[in-house]
Amino acid sequence: MAKKILIIEDEELLADLLQKKLTAAGYKTFLATDGERGLIAMRELAPDLILLDIVMPKINGLEVLAEIREDKNLKKIPVIIISNSGQPVEIDKIKELGARDWLIKTDLNLQEVIDKVRRQIGS
């Protein structure tokens, strides 16, 4: 059975690209366009991995990460952050909140996304 990936990303073009690439790689993808919907979706879907944007409407990615960390059912799900900045301070914060890896939007390479996903959950 295909592994499930929840993409929580409010930029429509990027979300679409990620969904297409991950689906082509054999994953089943789901999309939430803000942190609030993302939290609801992860509880309903129990995804194998979450790709999480930091800057989003309603609830931002750091708040989502903090909520994941507090939930015994969610905290086992690997999270890869998608960030605009990649500043060391931000990376330290996301690691402290339990994110397993990160991608920088300005350097985003779709093959790197697949590689990082496979490192976390296989194919």
PDB file of N, CA and C in Angstrom:
ATOM      1  N   MET A   1       0.833  -1.183   0.000  1.00  0.00           N
ATOM      2  CA  MET A   1       0.000   0.000   0.000  1.00  0.00           C
ATOM      3  C   MET A   1       0.884   1.255   0.000  1.00  0.00           C
ATOM      4  N   ALA A   2       0.472   2.255  -0.757  1.00  0.00           N
ATOM      5  CA  ALA A   2       1.256   3.489  -0.869  1.00  0.00           C
ATOM      6  C   ALA A   2       1.290   4.232   0.465  1.00  0.00           C
ATOM      7  N   LYS A   3       2.440   4.773   0.788  1.00  0.00           N
ATOM      8  CA  LYS A   3       2.579   5.559   2.010  1.00  0.00           C
ATOM      9  C   LYS A   3       1.923   6.924   1.809  1.00  0.00           C
ATOM     10  N   LYS A   4       1.340   7.446   2.905  1.00  0.00           N
ATOM     11  CA  LYS A   4       0.581   8.693   2.832  1.00  0.00           C
ATOM     12  C   LYS A   4       1.431   9.871   3.294  1.00  0.00           C
ATOM     13  N   ILE A   5       1.398  10.926   2.474  1.00  0.00           N
ATOM     14  CA  ILE A   5       2.115  12.155   2.820  1.00  0.00           C
ATOM     15  C   ILE A   5       1.115  13.301   2.860  1.00  0.00           C
ATOM     16  N   LEU A   6       1.124  14.009   3.973  1.00  0.00           N
ATOM     17  CA  LEU A   6       0.298  15.197   4.119  1.00  0.00           C
ATOM     18  C   LEU A   6       1.176  16.413   3.848  1.00  0.00           C
ATOM     19  N   ILE A   7       0.780  17.209   2.867  1.00  0.00           N
ATOM     20  CA  ILE A   7       1.488  18.451   2.526  1.00  0.00           C
ATOM     21  C   ILE A   7       0.672  19.595   3.120  1.00  0.00           C
ATOM     22  N   ILE A   8       1.301  20.355   4.008  1.00  0.00           N
ATOM     23  CA  ILE A   8       0.635  21.526   4.600  1.00  0.00           C
ATOM     24  C   ILE A   8       1.372  22.744   4.059  1.00  0.00           C
ATOM     25  N   GLU A   9       0.796  23.354   3.046  1.00  0.00           N
ATOM     26  CA  GLU A   9       1.465  24.421   2.279  1.00  0.00           C
ATOM     27  C   GLU A   9       0.397  25.334   1.692  1.00  0.00           C
ATOM     28  N   ASP A  10       0.554  26.647   1.892  1.00  0.00           N
ATOM     29  CA  ASP A  10      -0.451  27.583   1.380  1.00  0.00           C
ATOM     30  C   ASP A  10      -0.124  28.151  -0.003  1.00  0.00           C
ATOM     31  N   GLU A  11       1.088  27.942  -0.504  1.00  0.00           N
ATOM     32  CA  GLU A  11       1.425  28.412  -1.851  1.00  0.00           C
ATOM     33  C   GLU A  11       0.953  27.364  -2.853  1.00  0.00           C
ATOM     34  N   GLU A  12      -0.082  27.718  -3.608  1.00  0.00           N
ATOM     35  CA  GLU A  12      -0.747  26.760  -4.486  1.00  0.00           C
ATOM     36  C   GLU A  12       0.192  26.120  -5.508  1.00  0.00           C
ATOM     37  N   LEU A  13       1.043  26.911  -6.137  1.00  0.00           N
ATOM     38  CA  LEU A  13       1.948  26.378  -7.159  1.00  0.00           C
ATOM     39  C   LEU A  13       2.910  25.348  -6.565  1.00  0.00           C
ATOM     40  N   LEU A  14       3.515  25.680  -5.434  1.00  0.00           N
ATOM     41  CA  LEU A  14       4.450  24.759  -4.782  1.00  0.00           C
ATOM     42  C   LEU A  14       3.725  23.494  -4.313  1.00  0.00           C
ATOM     43  N   ALA A  15       2.561  23.657  -3.723  1.00  0.00           N
ATOM     44  CA  ALA A  15       1.792  22.503  -3.255  1.00  0.00           C
ATOM     45  C   ALA A  15       1.470  21.572  -4.423  1.00  0.00           C
ATOM     46  N   ASP A  16       1.083  22.142  -5.549  1.00  0.00           N
ATOM     47  CA  ASP A  16       0.754  21.356  -6.736  1.00  0.00           C
ATOM     48  C   ASP A  16       1.982  20.601  -7.255  1.00  0.00           C
ATOM     49  N   LEU A  17       3.118  21.288  -7.315  1.00  0.00           N
ATOM     50  CA  LEU A  17       4.362  20.643  -7.765  1.00  0.00           C
ATOM     51  C   LEU A  17       4.748  19.479  -6.846  1.00  0.00           C
ATOM     52  N   LEU A  18       4.675  19.716  -5.553  1.00  0.00           N
ATOM     53  CA  LEU A  18       5.017  18.670  -4.583  1.00  0.00           C
ATOM     54  C   LEU A  18       4.079  17.476  -4.726  1.00  0.00           C
ATOM     55  N   GLN A  19       2.779  17.753  -4.847  1.00  0.00           N
ATOM     56  CA  GLN A  19       1.813  16.655  -4.990  1.00  0.00           C
ATOM     57  C   GLN A  19       2.101  15.828  -6.238  1.00  0.00           C
ATOM     58  N   LYS A  20       2.347  16.508  -7.355  1.00  0.00           N
ATOM     59  CA  LYS A  20       2.601  15.783  -8.610  1.00  0.00           C
ATOM     60  C   LYS A  20       3.866  14.929  -8.514  1.00  0.00           C
ATOM     61  N   LYS A  21       4.931  15.489  -7.982  1.00  0.00           N
ATOM     62  CA  LYS A  21       6.202  14.771  -7.893  1.00  0.00           C
ATOM     63  C   LYS A  21       6.095  13.580  -6.940  1.00  0.00           C
ATOM     64  N   LEU A  22       5.479  13.777  -5.803  1.00  0.00           N
ATOM     65  CA  LEU A  22       5.359  12.699  -4.821  1.00  0.00           C
ATOM     66  C   LEU A  22       4.401  11.605  -5.297  1.00  0.00           C
ATOM     67  N   THR A  23       3.332  11.991  -5.967  1.00  0.00           N
ATOM     68  CA  THR A  23       2.395  11.011  -6.525  1.00  0.00           C
ATOM     69  C   THR A  23       3.093  10.181  -7.596  1.00  0.00           C
ATOM     70  N   ALA A  24       3.876  10.853  -8.448  1.00  0.00           N
ATOM     71  CA  ALA A  24       4.623  10.144  -9.498  1.00  0.00           C
ATOM     72  C   ALA A  24       5.638   9.176  -8.896  1.00  0.00           C
ATOM     73  N   ALA A  25       6.125   9.492  -7.684  1.00  0.00           N
ATOM     74  CA  ALA A  25       7.094   8.620  -7.012  1.00  0.00           C
ATOM     75  C   ALA A  25       6.408   7.479  -6.249  1.00  0.00           C
ATOM     76  N   GLY A  26       5.077   7.415  -6.322  1.00  0.00           N
ATOM     77  CA  GLY A  26       4.361   6.297  -5.724  1.00  0.00           C
ATOM     78  C   GLY A  26       3.726   6.554  -4.369  1.00  0.00           C
ATOM     79  N   TYR A  27       3.734   7.799  -3.914  1.00  0.00           N
ATOM     80  CA  TYR A  27       3.123   8.137  -2.626  1.00  0.00           C
ATOM     81  C   TYR A  27       1.687   8.617  -2.839  1.00  0.00           C
ATOM     82  N   LYS A  28       0.873   8.460  -1.811  1.00  0.00           N
ATOM     83  CA  LYS A  28      -0.483   8.990  -1.831  1.00  0.00           C
ATOM     84  C   LYS A  28      -0.428  10.321  -1.086  1.00  0.00           C
ATOM     85  N   THR A  29      -0.826  11.404  -1.749  1.00  0.00           N
ATOM     86  CA  THR A  29      -0.670  12.726  -1.142  1.00  0.00           C
ATOM     87  C   THR A  29      -2.015  13.358  -0.786  1.00  0.00           C
ATOM     88  N   PHE A  30      -1.960  14.174   0.246  1.00  0.00           N
ATOM     89  CA  PHE A  30      -3.118  14.933   0.714  1.00  0.00           C
ATOM     90  C   PHE A  30      -2.623  16.351   0.962  1.00  0.00           C
ATOM     91  N   LEU A  31      -3.495  17.337   0.777  1.00  0.00           N
ATOM     92  CA  LEU A  31      -3.086  18.732   0.909  1.00  0.00           C
ATOM     93  C   LEU A  31      -3.969  19.468   1.905  1.00  0.00           C
ATOM     94  N   ALA A  32      -3.318  20.262   2.747  1.00  0.00           N
ATOM     95  CA  ALA A  32      -4.008  21.213   3.612  1.00  0.00           C
ATOM     96  C   ALA A  32      -3.358  22.569   3.361  1.00  0.00           C
ATOM     97  N   THR A  33      -4.170  23.621   3.255  1.00  0.00           N
ATOM     98  CA  THR A  33      -3.630  24.928   2.880  1.00  0.00           C
ATOM     99  C   THR A  33      -3.381  25.863   4.058  1.00  0.00           C
ATOM    100  N   ASP A  34      -3.612  25.401   5.264  1.00  0.00           N
ATOM    101  CA  ASP A  34      -3.229  26.188   6.445  1.00  0.00           C
ATOM    102  C   ASP A  34      -3.012  25.228   7.618  1.00  0.00           C
ATOM    103  N   GLY A  35      -2.409  25.742   8.669  1.00  0.00           N
ATOM    104  CA  GLY A  35      -2.050  24.901   9.812  1.00  0.00           C
ATOM    105  C   GLY A  35      -3.246  24.288  10.514  1.00  0.00           C
ATOM    106  N   GLU A  36      -4.337  25.041  10.593  1.00  0.00           N
ATOM    107  CA  GLU A  36      -5.541  24.539  11.256  1.00  0.00           C
ATOM    108  C   GLU A  36      -6.094  23.315  10.513  1.00  0.00           C
ATOM    109  N   ARG A  37      -6.225  23.428   9.198  1.00  0.00           N
ATOM    110  CA  ARG A  37      -6.695  22.290   8.396  1.00  0.00           C
ATOM    111  C   ARG A  37      -5.688  21.142   8.449  1.00  0.00           C
ATOM    112  N   GLY A  38      -4.414  21.496   8.501  1.00  0.00           N
ATOM    113  CA  GLY A  38      -3.374  20.478   8.568  1.00  0.00           C
ATOM    114  C   GLY A  38      -3.483  19.616   9.811  1.00  0.00           C
ATOM    115  N   LEU A  39      -3.747  20.248  10.959  1.00  0.00           N
ATOM    116  CA  LEU A  39      -3.895  19.494  12.211  1.00  0.00           C
ATOM    117  C   LEU A  39      -5.107  18.564  12.154  1.00  0.00           C
ATOM    118  N   ILE A  40      -6.188  19.051  11.581  1.00  0.00           N
ATOM    119  CA  ILE A  40      -7.393  18.216  11.431  1.00  0.00           C
ATOM    120  C   ILE A  40      -7.074  17.034  10.517  1.00  0.00           C
ATOM    121  N   ALA A  41      -6.437  17.331   9.378  1.00  0.00           N
ATOM    122  CA  ALA A  41      -6.126  16.277   8.394  1.00  0.00           C
ATOM    123  C   ALA A  41      -5.180  15.229   8.973  1.00  0.00           C
ATOM    124  N   MET A  42      -4.177  15.650   9.731  1.00  0.00           N
ATOM    125  CA  MET A  42      -3.222  14.651  10.242  1.00  0.00           C
ATOM    126  C   MET A  42      -3.886  13.736  11.261  1.00  0.00           C
ATOM    127  N   ARG A  43      -4.860  14.242  11.992  1.00  0.00           N
ATOM    128  CA  ARG A  43      -5.575  13.382  12.953  1.00  0.00           C
ATOM    129  C   ARG A  43      -6.500  12.406  12.227  1.00  0.00           C
ATOM    130  N   GLU A  44      -7.091  12.846  11.119  1.00  0.00           N
ATOM    131  CA  GLU A  44      -7.994  11.974  10.347  1.00  0.00           C
ATOM    132  C   GLU A  44      -7.227  10.947   9.511  1.00  0.00           C
ATOM    133  N   LEU A  45      -6.113  11.373   8.910  1.00  0.00           N
ATOM    134  CA  LEU A  45      -5.400  10.539   7.937  1.00  0.00           C
ATOM    135  C   LEU A  45      -4.317   9.650   8.541  1.00  0.00           C
ATOM    136  N   ALA A  46      -3.748  10.067   9.670  1.00  0.00           N
ATOM    137  CA  ALA A  46      -2.570   9.399  10.231  1.00  0.00           C
ATOM    138  C   ALA A  46      -1.530   9.174   9.133  1.00  0.00           C
ATOM    139  N   PRO A  47      -0.996  10.268   8.562  1.00  0.00           N
ATOM    140  CA  PRO A  47      -0.033  10.130   7.463  1.00  0.00           C
ATOM    141  C   PRO A  47       1.280   9.504   7.934  1.00  0.00           C
ATOM    142  N   ASP A  48       2.034   8.993   6.957  1.00  0.00           N
ATOM    143  CA  ASP A  48       3.346   8.422   7.261  1.00  0.00           C
ATOM    144  C   ASP A  48       4.397   9.515   7.387  1.00  0.00           C
ATOM    145  N   LEU A  49       4.125  10.685   6.779  1.00  0.00           N
ATOM    146  CA  LEU A  49       5.071  11.801   6.808  1.00  0.00           C
ATOM    147  C   LEU A  49       4.308  13.084   6.548  1.00  0.00           C
ATOM    148  N   ILE A  50       4.812  14.189   7.103  1.00  0.00           N
ATOM    149  CA  ILE A  50       4.212  15.503   6.892  1.00  0.00           C
ATOM    150  C   ILE A  50       5.271  16.439   6.319  1.00  0.00           C
ATOM    151  N   LEU A  51       4.921  17.129   5.236  1.00  0.00           N
ATOM    152  CA  LEU A  51       5.724  18.233   4.707  1.00  0.00           C
ATOM    153  C   LEU A  51       5.029  19.494   5.194  1.00  0.00           C
ATOM    154  N   LEU A  52       5.719  20.323   5.947  1.00  0.00           N
ATOM    155  CA  LEU A  52       5.086  21.436   6.662  1.00  0.00           C
ATOM    156  C   LEU A  52       5.747  22.766   6.362  1.00  0.00           C
ATOM    157  N   ASP A  53       4.951  23.695   5.836  1.00  0.00           N
ATOM    158  CA  ASP A  53       5.408  25.064   5.621  1.00  0.00           C
ATOM    159  C   ASP A  53       5.437  25.781   6.980  1.00  0.00           C
ATOM    160  N   ILE A  54       6.284  26.791   7.103  1.00  0.00           N
ATOM    161  CA  ILE A  54       6.355  27.548   8.357  1.00  0.00           C
ATOM    162  C   ILE A  54       5.380  28.735   8.340  1.00  0.00           C
ATOM    163  N   VAL A  55       5.428  29.552   7.291  1.00  0.00           N
ATOM    164  CA  VAL A  55       4.605  30.768   7.234  1.00  0.00           C
ATOM    165  C   VAL A  55       3.283  30.431   6.538  1.00  0.00           C
ATOM    166  N   MET A  56       2.220  30.386   7.349  1.00  0.00           N
ATOM    167  CA  MET A  56       0.889  30.042   6.832  1.00  0.00           C
ATOM    168  C   MET A  56      -0.174  30.814   7.582  1.00  0.00           C
ATOM    169  N   PRO A  57      -1.377  30.903   6.984  1.00  0.00           N
ATOM    170  CA  PRO A  57      -2.484  31.551   7.689  1.00  0.00           C
ATOM    171  C   PRO A  57      -3.012  30.693   8.842  1.00  0.00           C
ATOM    172  N   LYS A  58      -3.737  31.329   9.723  1.00  0.00           N
ATOM    173  CA  LYS A  58      -4.412  30.726  10.882  1.00  0.00           C
ATOM    174  C   LYS A  58      -3.425  30.215  11.919  1.00  0.00           C
ATOM    175  N   ILE A  59      -2.787  29.084  11.676  1.00  0.00           N
ATOM    176  CA  ILE A  59      -1.799  28.532  12.610  1.00  0.00           C
ATOM    177  C   ILE A  59      -0.516  28.315  11.816  1.00  0.00           C
ATOM    178  N   ASN A  60       0.602  28.898  12.272  1.00  0.00           N
ATOM    179  CA  ASN A  60       1.840  28.741  11.503  1.00  0.00           C
ATOM    180  C   ASN A  60       2.502  27.388  11.780  1.00  0.00           C
ATOM    181  N   GLY A  61       3.522  27.097  11.000  1.00  0.00           N
ATOM    182  CA  GLY A  61       4.179  25.801  11.082  1.00  0.00           C
ATOM    183  C   GLY A  61       4.829  25.513  12.426  1.00  0.00           C
ATOM    184  N   LEU A  62       5.368  26.535  13.078  1.00  0.00           N
ATOM    185  CA  LEU A  62       5.979  26.314  14.399  1.00  0.00           C
ATOM    186  C   LEU A  62       4.919  25.920  15.423  1.00  0.00           C
ATOM    187  N   GLU A  63       3.745  26.553  15.327  1.00  0.00           N
ATOM    188  CA  GLU A  63       2.649  26.207  16.237  1.00  0.00           C
ATOM    189  C   GLU A  63       2.149  24.783  15.959  1.00  0.00           C
ATOM    190  N   VAL A  64       2.100  24.423  14.668  1.00  0.00           N
ATOM    191  CA  VAL A  64       1.701  23.060  14.302  1.00  0.00           C
ATOM    192  C   VAL A  64       2.710  22.057  14.869  1.00  0.00           C
ATOM    193  N   LEU A  65       4.002  22.349  14.689  1.00  0.00           N
ATOM    194  CA  LEU A  65       5.044  21.456  15.230  1.00  0.00           C
ATOM    195  C   LEU A  65       4.908  21.292  16.740  1.00  0.00           C
ATOM    196  N   ALA A  66       4.666  22.392  17.439  1.00  0.00           N
ATOM    197  CA  ALA A  66       4.513  22.332  18.900  1.00  0.00           C
ATOM    198  C   ALA A  66       3.319  21.460  19.272  1.00  0.00           C
ATOM    199  N   GLU A  67       2.239  21.580  18.528  1.00  0.00           N
ATOM    200  CA  GLU A  67       1.048  20.771  18.805  1.00  0.00           C
ATOM    201  C   GLU A  67       1.317  19.287  18.516  1.00  0.00           C
ATOM    202  N   ILE A  68       2.028  19.013  17.434  1.00  0.00           N
ATOM    203  CA  ILE A  68       2.389  17.623  17.093  1.00  0.00           C
ATOM    204  C   ILE A  68       3.200  17.016  18.241  1.00  0.00           C
ATOM    205  N   ARG A  69       4.159  17.776  18.743  1.00  0.00           N
ATOM    206  CA  ARG A  69       5.043  17.285  19.804  1.00  0.00           C
ATOM    207  C   ARG A  69       4.296  16.944  21.083  1.00  0.00           C
ATOM    208  N   GLU A  70       3.177  17.630  21.321  1.00  0.00           N
ATOM    209  CA  GLU A  70       2.395  17.406  22.538  1.00  0.00           C
ATOM    210  C   GLU A  70       1.398  16.252  22.403  1.00  0.00           C
ATOM    211  N   ASP A  71       1.196  15.761  21.194  1.00  0.00           N
ATOM    212  CA  ASP A  71       0.191  14.722  20.947  1.00  0.00           C
ATOM    213  C   ASP A  71       0.876  13.370  20.778  1.00  0.00           C
ATOM    214  N   LYS A  72       0.601  12.430  21.673  1.00  0.00           N
ATOM    215  CA  LYS A  72       1.310  11.142  21.636  1.00  0.00           C
ATOM    216  C   LYS A  72       1.076  10.373  20.340  1.00  0.00           C
ATOM    217  N   ASN A  73      -0.064  10.564  19.696  1.00  0.00           N
ATOM    218  CA  ASN A  73      -0.342   9.866  18.443  1.00  0.00           C
ATOM    219  C   ASN A  73       0.346  10.520  17.247  1.00  0.00           C
ATOM    220  N   LEU A  74       0.567  11.810  17.320  1.00  0.00           N
ATOM    221  CA  LEU A  74       1.145  12.533  16.181  1.00  0.00           C
ATOM    222  C   LEU A  74       2.665  12.633  16.246  1.00  0.00           C
ATOM    223  N   LYS A  75       3.230  12.622  17.451  1.00  0.00           N
ATOM    224  CA  LYS A  75       4.654  12.935  17.559  1.00  0.00           C
ATOM    225  C   LYS A  75       5.572  11.894  16.927  1.00  0.00           C
ATOM    226  N   LYS A  76       5.037  10.726  16.603  1.00  0.00           N
ATOM    227  CA  LYS A  76       5.850   9.703  15.930  1.00  0.00           C
ATOM    228  C   LYS A  76       5.959   9.949  14.422  1.00  0.00           C
ATOM    229  N   ILE A  77       5.094  10.818  13.876  1.00  0.00           N
ATOM    230  CA  ILE A  77       5.085  11.074  12.425  1.00  0.00           C
ATOM    231  C   ILE A  77       6.271  11.979  12.069  1.00  0.00           C
ATOM    232  N   PRO A  78       7.133  11.543  11.142  1.00  0.00           N
ATOM    233  CA  PRO A  78       8.246  12.411  10.733  1.00  0.00           C
ATOM    234  C   PRO A  78       7.729  13.663  10.031  1.00  0.00           C
ATOM    235  N   VAL A  79       8.360  14.795  10.352  1.00  0.00           N
ATOM    236  CA  VAL A  79       7.993  16.073   9.746  1.00  0.00           C
ATOM    237  C   VAL A  79       9.215  16.651   9.040  1.00  0.00           C
ATOM    238  N   ILE A  80       9.018  17.056   7.789  1.00  0.00           N
ATOM    239  CA  ILE A  80      10.043  17.786   7.042  1.00  0.00           C
ATOM    240  C   ILE A  80       9.492  19.195   6.831  1.00  0.00           C
ATOM    241  N   ILE A  81      10.244  20.180   7.282  1.00  0.00           N
ATOM    242  CA  ILE A  81       9.838  21.581   7.179  1.00  0.00           C
ATOM    243  C   ILE A  81      10.195  22.130   5.798  1.00  0.00           C
ATOM    244  N   ILE A  82       9.301  22.967   5.285  1.00  0.00           N
ATOM    245  CA  ILE A  82       9.571  23.722   4.057  1.00  0.00           C
ATOM    246  C   ILE A  82       9.627  25.183   4.493  1.00  0.00           C
ATOM    247  N   SER A  83      10.804  25.797   4.350  1.00  0.00           N
ATOM    248  CA  SER A  83      11.016  27.135   4.901  1.00  0.00           C
ATOM    249  C   SER A  83      11.487  28.114   3.842  1.00  0.00           C
ATOM    250  N   ASN A  84      11.194  29.380   4.075  1.00  0.00           N
ATOM    251  CA  ASN A  84      11.714  30.426   3.195  1.00  0.00           C
ATOM    252  C   ASN A  84      13.111  30.862   3.598  1.00  0.00           C
ATOM    253  N   SER A  85      13.459  30.713   4.878  1.00  0.00           N
ATOM    254  CA  SER A  85      14.701  31.340   5.311  1.00  0.00           C
ATOM    255  C   SER A  85      15.890  30.403   5.459  1.00  0.00           C
ATOM    256  N   GLY A  86      15.742  29.370   6.248  1.00  0.00           N
ATOM    257  CA  GLY A  86      16.888  28.495   6.477  1.00  0.00           C
ATOM    258  C   GLY A  86      17.939  29.110   7.390  1.00  0.00           C
ATOM    259  N   GLN A  87      17.554  30.146   8.126  1.00  0.00           N
ATOM    260  CA  GLN A  87      18.489  30.770   9.073  1.00  0.00           C
ATOM    261  C   GLN A  87      18.789  29.775  10.198  1.00  0.00           C
ATOM    262  N   PRO A  88      20.042  29.754  10.682  1.00  0.00           N
ATOM    263  CA  PRO A  88      20.403  28.807  11.747  1.00  0.00           C
ATOM    264  C   PRO A  88      19.469  28.865  12.956  1.00  0.00           C
ATOM    265  N   VAL A  89      19.024  30.063  13.340  1.00  0.00           N
ATOM    266  CA  VAL A  89      18.129  30.209  14.488  1.00  0.00           C
ATOM    267  C   VAL A  89      16.810  29.477  14.226  1.00  0.00           C
ATOM    268  N   GLU A  90      16.288  29.615  13.011  1.00  0.00           N
ATOM    269  CA  GLU A  90      15.036  28.939  12.661  1.00  0.00           C
ATOM    270  C   GLU A  90      15.240  27.424  12.614  1.00  0.00           C
ATOM    271  N   ILE A  91      16.332  26.985  12.036  1.00  0.00           N
ATOM    272  CA  ILE A  91      16.615  25.552  11.935  1.00  0.00           C
ATOM    273  C   ILE A  91      16.781  24.945  13.327  1.00  0.00           C
ATOM    274  N   ASP A  92      17.460  25.653  14.222  1.00  0.00           N
ATOM    275  CA  ASP A  92      17.592  25.170  15.609  1.00  0.00           C
ATOM    276  C   ASP A  92      16.219  25.021  16.258  1.00  0.00           C
ATOM    277  N   LYS A  93      15.344  25.999  16.026  1.00  0.00           N
ATOM    278  CA  LYS A  93      13.999  25.977  16.620  1.00  0.00           C
ATOM    279  C   LYS A  93      13.191  24.792  16.095  1.00  0.00           C
ATOM    280  N   ILE A  94      13.226  24.558  14.772  1.00  0.00           N
ATOM    281  CA  ILE A  94      12.421  23.460  14.220  1.00  0.00           C
ATOM    282  C   ILE A  94      12.963  22.101  14.664  1.00  0.00           C
ATOM    283  N   LYS A  95      14.295  22.004  14.806  1.00  0.00           N
ATOM    284  CA  LYS A  95      14.866  20.741  15.305  1.00  0.00           C
ATOM    285  C   LYS A  95      14.453  20.519  16.765  1.00  0.00           C
ATOM    286  N   GLU A  96      14.479  21.595  17.549  1.00  0.00           N
ATOM    287  CA  GLU A  96      14.075  21.522  18.953  1.00  0.00           C
ATOM    288  C   GLU A  96      12.611  21.073  19.073  1.00  0.00           C
ATOM    289  N   LEU A  97      11.774  21.480  18.111  1.00  0.00           N
ATOM    290  CA  LEU A  97      10.359  21.104  18.115  1.00  0.00           C
ATOM    291  C   LEU A  97      10.109  19.729  17.489  1.00  0.00           C
ATOM    292  N   GLY A  98      11.170  19.065  17.026  1.00  0.00           N
ATOM    293  CA  GLY A  98      11.017  17.690  16.580  1.00  0.00           C
ATOM    294  C   GLY A  98      11.028  17.436  15.080  1.00  0.00           C
ATOM    295  N   ALA A  99      11.227  18.478  14.274  1.00  0.00           N
ATOM    296  CA  ALA A  99      11.287  18.244  12.823  1.00  0.00           C
ATOM    297  C   ALA A  99      12.511  17.389  12.507  1.00  0.00           C
ATOM    298  N   ARG A 100      12.361  16.485  11.555  1.00  0.00           N
ATOM    299  CA  ARG A 100      13.447  15.566  11.207  1.00  0.00           C
ATOM    300  C   ARG A 100      14.390  16.143  10.156  1.00  0.00           C
ATOM    301  N   ASP A 101      13.854  17.029   9.290  1.00  0.00           N
ATOM    302  CA  ASP A 101      14.662  17.573   8.197  1.00  0.00           C
ATOM    303  C   ASP A 101      13.990  18.848   7.707  1.00  0.00           C
ATOM    304  N   TRP A 102      14.610  19.520   6.761  1.00  0.00           N
ATOM    305  CA  TRP A 102      14.037  20.750   6.222  1.00  0.00           C
ATOM    306  C   TRP A 102      14.477  20.938   4.780  1.00  0.00           C
ATOM    307  N   LEU A 103      13.674  21.746   4.091  1.00  0.00           N
ATOM    308  CA  LEU A 103      13.942  22.137   2.704  1.00  0.00           C
ATOM    309  C   LEU A 103      13.805  23.656   2.643  1.00  0.00           C
ATOM    310  N   ILE A 104      14.674  24.293   1.876  1.00  0.00           N
ATOM    311  CA  ILE A 104      14.617  25.748   1.711  1.00  0.00           C
ATOM    312  C   ILE A 104      13.942  26.042   0.372  1.00  0.00           C
ATOM    313  N   LYS A 105      12.868  26.824   0.397  1.00  0.00           N
ATOM    314  CA  LYS A 105      12.076  27.070  -0.814  1.00  0.00           C
ATOM    315  C   LYS A 105      12.907  27.642  -1.957  1.00  0.00           C
ATOM    316  N   THR A 106      13.816  28.569  -1.643  1.00  0.00           N
ATOM    317  CA  THR A 106      14.588  29.201  -2.722  1.00  0.00           C
ATOM    318  C   THR A 106      15.541  28.228  -3.404  1.00  0.00           C
ATOM    319  N   ASP A 107      15.933  27.169  -2.705  1.00  0.00           N
ATOM    320  CA  ASP A 107      16.840  26.155  -3.278  1.00  0.00           C
ATOM    321  C   ASP A 107      16.111  24.859  -3.604  1.00  0.00           C
ATOM    322  N   LEU A 108      14.774  24.903  -3.623  1.00  0.00           N
ATOM    323  CA  LEU A 108      14.010  23.658  -3.716  1.00  0.00           C
ATOM    324  C   LEU A 108      14.275  22.900  -5.003  1.00  0.00           C
ATOM    325  N   ASN A 109      14.654  21.658  -4.801  1.00  0.00           N
ATOM    326  CA  ASN A 109      14.910  20.738  -5.896  1.00  0.00           C
ATOM    327  C   ASN A 109      13.964  19.561  -5.634  1.00  0.00           C
ATOM    328  N   LEU A 110      13.091  19.276  -6.602  1.00  0.00           N
ATOM    329  CA  LEU A 110      12.079  18.248  -6.370  1.00  0.00           C
ATOM    330  C   LEU A 110      12.688  16.867  -6.135  1.00  0.00           C
ATOM    331  N   GLN A 111      13.846  16.591  -6.736  1.00  0.00           N
ATOM    332  CA  GLN A 111      14.490  15.305  -6.469  1.00  0.00           C
ATOM    333  C   GLN A 111      14.982  15.245  -5.026  1.00  0.00           C
ATOM    334  N   GLU A 112      15.437  16.378  -4.504  1.00  0.00           N
ATOM    335  CA  GLU A 112      15.871  16.426  -3.096  1.00  0.00           C
ATOM    336  C   GLU A 112      14.687  16.138  -2.168  1.00  0.00           C
ATOM    337  N   VAL A 113      13.502  16.627  -2.540  1.00  0.00           N
ATOM    338  CA  VAL A 113      12.301  16.345  -1.750  1.00  0.00           C
ATOM    339  C   VAL A 113      12.085  14.835  -1.681  1.00  0.00           C
ATOM    340  N   ILE A 114      12.119  14.181  -2.842  1.00  0.00           N
ATOM    341  CA  ILE A 114      11.922  12.729  -2.901  1.00  0.00           C
ATOM    342  C   ILE A 114      12.994  12.014  -2.068  1.00  0.00           C
ATOM    343  N   ASP A 115      14.253  12.437  -2.217  1.00  0.00           N
ATOM    344  CA  ASP A 115      15.344  11.811  -1.466  1.00  0.00           C
ATOM    345  C   ASP A 115      15.129  11.925   0.041  1.00  0.00           C
ATOM    346  N   LYS A 116      14.741  13.106   0.504  1.00  0.00           N
ATOM    347  CA  LYS A 116      14.541  13.318   1.944  1.00  0.00           C
ATOM    348  C   LYS A 116      13.330  12.529   2.445  1.00  0.00           C
ATOM    349  N   VAL A 117      12.286  12.461   1.643  1.00  0.00           N
ATOM    350  CA  VAL A 117      11.108  11.674   2.026  1.00  0.00           C
ATOM    351  C   VAL A 117      11.508  10.189   2.135  1.00  0.00           C
ATOM    352  N   ARG A 118      12.227   9.698   1.147  1.00  0.00           N
ATOM    353  CA  ARG A 118      12.644   8.287   1.172  1.00  0.00           C
ATOM    354  C   ARG A 118      13.541   7.979   2.362  1.00  0.00           C
ATOM    355  N   ARG A 119      14.401   8.927   2.740  1.00  0.00           N
ATOM    356  CA  ARG A 119      15.262   8.723   3.916  1.00  0.00           C
ATOM    357  C   ARG A 119      14.420   8.557   5.183  1.00  0.00           C
ATOM    358  N   GLN A 120      13.285   9.230   5.237  1.00  0.00           N
ATOM    359  CA  GLN A 120      12.432   9.170   6.436  1.00  0.00           C
ATOM    360  C   GLN A 120      11.500   7.958   6.449  1.00  0.00           C
ATOM    361  N   ILE A 121      10.889   7.658   5.295  1.00  0.00           N
ATOM    362  CA  ILE A 121       9.851   6.605   5.310  1.00  0.00           C
ATOM    363  C   ILE A 121      10.005   5.545   4.234  1.00  0.00           C
ATOM    364  N   GLY A 122      11.067   5.588   3.448  1.00  0.00           N
ATOM    365  CA  GLY A 122      11.238   4.610   2.385  1.00  0.00           C
ATOM    366  C   GLY A 122      10.356   4.948   1.192  1.00  0.00           C
ATOM    367  N   SER A 123      10.271   3.998   0.252  1.00  0.00           N
ATOM    368  CA  SER A 123       9.479   4.318  -0.944  1.00  0.00           C
ATOM    369  C   SER A 123       8.149   3.606  -0.960  1.00  0.00           C
TER     370      SER A 123
END
